[in-house]
Amino acid sequence: MAQASVNSKVQPGKVVVFIKPTCPFCRKTQKLLSPLPFKEGLLEFVSITATRDSSKIQDYLQQLTGARTVSRVFIGKECIGGCTDLVSMHERGRLLTRLEQVGALK
């Protein structure tokens, strides 16, 4: 169930972030991504605490990405990492370029 749930969200051209709403790193990730000009439906924050499978989802995220922690940021089918990786990508000027490459921005 956890694997199917994650796989159904991660899609080409879409940015999906797996979060826990109370996590400060997740909130920072949301704060960075939310104001960007995404096309409708191409940015999704998925709260893993909204399901009883949160531990299984984190186990599967670890299999996929090598890390069990959230936030886990997927740009298209590629996991770029977590909050620190996203901030670093943004600071180096690579975030908007990558989002444009996958067609996620207006």
Protein backbone atom coordinates (compact mmCIF):
# COMPACT_ATOMS: atom_id res chain seq x y z
CA MET A 1 0.00 0.00 0.00
CA ALA A 2 2.77 2.49 0.92
CA GLN A 3 4.69 1.73 -2.27
CA ALA A 4 1.60 2.20 -4.44
CA SER A 5 0.75 5.43 -2.63
CA VAL A 6 4.20 6.95 -3.21
CA ASN A 7 4.48 5.70 -6.79
CA SER A 8 1.07 7.14 -7.69
CA LYS A 9 2.21 10.61 -6.60
CA VAL A 10 5.68 10.72 -8.19
CA GLN A 11 5.14 11.59 -11.86
CA PRO A 12 7.10 13.18 -14.70
CA GLY A 13 6.72 16.97 -14.78
CA LYS A 14 5.33 17.16 -11.25
CA VAL A 15 6.94 18.26 -8.01
CA VAL A 16 5.91 16.15 -5.04
CA VAL A 17 7.08 16.70 -1.49
CA PHE A 18 6.43 14.15 1.23
CA ILE A 19 6.08 15.99 4.54
CA LYS A 20 5.03 15.92 8.16
CA PRO A 21 3.17 19.20 8.81
CA THR A 22 4.80 19.70 12.23
CA CYS A 23 8.35 19.26 10.92
CA PRO A 24 10.28 22.57 10.75
CA PHE A 25 12.28 21.38 7.72
CA CYS A 26 9.05 20.47 5.93
CA ARG A 27 7.59 23.91 6.66
CA LYS A 28 10.78 25.52 5.32
CA THR A 29 10.48 23.43 2.15
CA GLN A 30 6.86 24.51 1.75
CA LYS A 31 7.80 28.16 2.31
CA LEU A 32 10.44 27.98 -0.42
CA LEU A 33 8.33 26.19 -3.04
CA SER A 34 4.84 27.59 -2.46
CA PRO A 35 5.38 31.11 -3.90
CA LEU A 36 6.93 29.81 -7.14
CA PRO A 37 4.79 30.04 -10.29
CA PHE A 38 3.86 26.38 -10.69
CA LYS A 39 1.37 25.30 -13.32
CA GLU A 40 -1.92 24.16 -11.80
CA GLY A 41 -1.63 20.75 -10.16
CA LEU A 42 2.14 20.37 -10.62
CA LEU A 43 3.14 21.04 -7.00
CA GLU A 44 1.82 18.71 -4.33
CA PHE A 45 2.65 18.41 -0.65
CA VAL A 46 1.74 14.96 0.65
CA SER A 47 1.34 14.69 4.40
CA ILE A 48 2.46 11.24 5.44
CA THR A 49 0.80 11.73 8.84
CA ALA A 50 -2.63 11.75 7.19
CA THR A 51 -2.44 7.97 6.89
CA ARG A 52 -1.77 5.04 9.21
CA ASP A 53 0.98 3.93 6.81
CA SER A 54 3.39 6.78 7.64
CA SER A 55 6.10 4.46 8.96
CA LYS A 56 5.75 2.18 5.92
CA ILE A 57 5.86 5.21 3.60
CA GLN A 58 9.09 6.35 5.26
CA ASP A 59 10.51 2.82 4.91
CA TYR A 60 9.70 2.87 1.19
CA LEU A 61 11.13 6.38 0.78
CA GLN A 62 14.34 5.05 2.32
CA GLN A 63 14.43 2.23 -0.25
CA LEU A 64 13.88 4.75 -3.06
CA THR A 65 16.09 7.60 -1.91
CA GLY A 66 18.48 6.30 0.71
CA ALA A 67 16.90 8.47 3.42
CA ARG A 68 13.88 7.92 5.59
CA THR A 69 13.55 11.52 6.71
CA VAL A 70 11.07 14.07 5.43
CA SER A 71 10.82 16.28 3.60
CA ARG A 72 11.61 14.19 0.51
CA VAL A 73 11.44 16.33 -2.63
CA PHE A 74 10.80 14.75 -6.03
CA ILE A 75 11.16 16.80 -9.18
CA GLY A 76 9.63 14.54 -11.77
CA LYS A 77 10.75 11.00 -11.00
CA GLU A 78 14.03 12.18 -9.43
CA CYS A 79 14.41 12.69 -5.70
CA ILE A 80 16.65 15.70 -5.14
CA GLY A 81 16.80 15.06 -1.39
CA GLY A 82 15.37 16.99 1.50
CA CYS A 83 15.10 20.56 2.68
CA THR A 84 18.84 21.20 2.90
CA ASP A 85 19.35 19.87 -0.63
CA LEU A 86 16.48 22.01 -1.94
CA VAL A 87 17.83 25.17 -0.28
CA SER A 88 21.30 24.47 -1.63
CA MET A 89 19.92 23.94 -5.12
CA HIS A 90 18.01 27.22 -4.85
CA GLU A 91 21.04 29.15 -3.56
CA ARG A 92 23.17 27.89 -6.46
CA GLY A 93 20.51 29.09 -8.92
CA ARG A 94 19.67 25.57 -10.10
CA LEU A 95 16.16 25.11 -8.70
CA LEU A 96 14.24 27.28 -11.16
CA THR A 97 16.25 25.87 -14.07
CA ARG A 98 15.39 22.31 -13.02
CA LEU A 99 11.70 23.17 -12.54
CA GLU A 100 11.63 24.75 -16.00
CA GLN A 101 13.31 21.67 -17.49
CA VAL A 102 10.52 19.40 -16.27
CA GLY A 103 7.83 21.88 -17.39
CA ALA A 104 6.45 22.54 -13.90
CA LEU A 105 6.48 26.35 -14.08
CA LYS A 106 4.15 28.76 -15.86
